[in-house]
Every structure is written in structure tokens, then in C-alpha cells.
């Protein structure tokens, strides 16, 4: 759920996907997803990753450390950057 949230999915979309994958699961509604994705926990998680990025750690190392797909770390690294800055990340 956290990964989908980081990718920009709404809580309703996350809830719908969870219900689709686990139809026998009860209580997988938007309110439950909201409780599971406590904003403070998500913020703390993103702050830790941002701190690692600021320290110059490679994307692959950060992804492995937090058990995330590298594309999610890239999304966080490029979040809020303009096109010129994003181009600077290209090899």
C-alpha cells in the first residue's frame, strides 16, 4: 500500500486494488487504508529516503536498503524538480 501511495495512487485506488487482490479481506476500504498509511509514517519514511539522497547515496543502494523498486526512489528523488534539473540526473 505504501508503494502504491508513493506512486501517487489515491487511497480509494489503493483500497480498490486491495479488494481486487484479496476479495475475502474485510475492511479494506478507504478509511482502513488511511489508517494504514498514517501521514506521519509516510512523511518520516520519505524524510529518511530524502536524507539518504541528500547524502549522495546511490539510488540502487537506497532502494535495496528500504526494499523498494528503484523507480520509486527515482520518483522521490525527482519529485518537485523542474525539467532542467531532471535532465541533470540522466547518465
Protein backbone atom coordinates (compact mmCIF):
# COMPACT_ATOMS: atom_id res chain seq x y z
CA UNK A 1 0.00 0.00 0.00
CA UNK A 2 2.85 2.35 0.80
CA UNK A 3 4.44 1.72 -2.56
CA UNK A 4 1.22 2.48 -4.41
CA UNK A 5 0.78 5.62 -2.35
CA UNK A 6 4.32 6.71 -3.21
CA UNK A 7 3.48 6.20 -6.87
CA UNK A 8 0.65 8.70 -6.49
CA UNK A 9 -2.33 6.35 -6.16
CA UNK A 10 -5.23 7.74 -4.16
CA UNK A 11 -6.40 5.90 -1.06
CA UNK A 12 -9.54 4.90 -2.96
CA UNK A 13 -7.44 3.38 -5.76
CA UNK A 14 -5.27 1.52 -3.25
CA UNK A 15 -8.39 0.24 -1.49
CA UNK A 16 -9.93 -0.92 -4.77
CA UNK A 17 -6.75 -2.78 -5.76
CA UNK A 18 -6.53 -4.43 -2.33
CA UNK A 19 -10.16 -5.56 -2.58
CA UNK A 20 -9.49 -6.86 -6.08
CA UNK A 21 -6.44 -8.85 -4.96
CA UNK A 22 -7.91 -10.09 -1.66
CA UNK A 23 -11.70 -10.26 -2.05
CA UNK A 24 -12.01 -12.28 1.16
CA UNK A 25 -10.38 -9.44 3.12
CA UNK A 26 -12.78 -7.40 5.17
CA UNK A 27 -12.38 -3.74 5.99
CA UNK A 28 -10.09 -2.85 3.10
CA UNK A 29 -11.87 0.40 2.47
CA UNK A 30 -10.53 3.93 2.10
CA UNK A 31 -10.73 4.56 5.86
CA UNK A 32 -8.69 1.45 6.63
CA UNK A 33 -6.10 2.37 4.01
CA UNK A 34 -5.93 5.84 5.53
CA UNK A 35 -5.18 4.38 8.95
CA UNK A 36 -2.54 2.07 7.50
CA UNK A 37 -0.90 4.90 5.60
CA UNK A 38 -0.65 7.24 8.55
CA UNK A 39 0.57 10.53 7.07
CA UNK A 40 3.27 10.91 9.71
CA UNK A 41 4.71 7.48 8.94
CA UNK A 42 4.75 8.23 5.22
CA UNK A 43 6.39 11.60 5.88
CA UNK A 44 9.02 10.00 8.15
CA UNK A 45 9.73 7.36 5.52
CA UNK A 46 10.11 9.97 2.77
CA UNK A 47 12.33 12.11 5.00
CA UNK A 48 14.67 9.16 5.59
CA UNK A 49 14.93 8.50 1.86
CA UNK A 50 15.40 12.21 1.10
CA UNK A 51 18.15 12.35 3.72
CA UNK A 52 19.93 9.43 2.05
CA UNK A 53 19.56 11.10 -1.35
CA UNK A 54 20.96 14.37 0.04
CA UNK A 55 23.90 12.47 1.48
CA UNK A 56 24.73 11.31 -2.05
CA UNK A 57 23.89 7.63 -1.62
CA UNK A 58 23.21 5.86 -4.94
CA UNK A 59 19.59 5.17 -5.91
CA UNK A 60 20.19 1.40 -6.08
CA UNK A 61 21.65 1.33 -2.56
CA UNK A 62 18.71 3.31 -1.14
CA UNK A 63 16.21 1.06 -2.96
CA UNK A 64 17.84 -2.04 -1.52
CA UNK A 65 18.01 -0.54 1.99
CA UNK A 66 14.27 0.23 2.07
CA UNK A 67 13.24 -2.78 -0.05
CA UNK A 68 11.76 -0.55 -2.76
CA UNK A 69 11.84 -0.74 -6.50
CA UNK A 70 14.47 1.73 -7.78
CA UNK A 71 11.76 3.52 -9.79
CA UNK A 72 10.08 4.57 -6.52
CA UNK A 73 13.32 6.06 -5.22
CA UNK A 74 13.77 7.85 -8.54
CA UNK A 75 10.24 9.23 -8.21
CA UNK A 76 11.08 10.64 -4.78
CA UNK A 77 14.43 11.98 -5.99
CA UNK A 78 12.81 13.82 -8.90
CA UNK A 79 9.71 14.99 -7.04
CA UNK A 80 9.32 18.76 -7.21
CA UNK A 81 12.23 19.23 -9.61
CA UNK A 82 11.92 21.14 -12.87
CA UNK A 83 12.65 19.66 -16.26
CA UNK A 84 16.19 21.05 -16.37
CA UNK A 85 17.05 19.51 -13.01
CA UNK A 86 15.51 16.17 -14.03
CA UNK A 87 17.66 16.12 -17.16
CA UNK A 88 20.70 16.54 -14.94
CA UNK A 89 20.02 13.12 -13.46
CA UNK A 90 20.29 11.37 -16.82
CA UNK A 91 23.53 9.43 -17.37
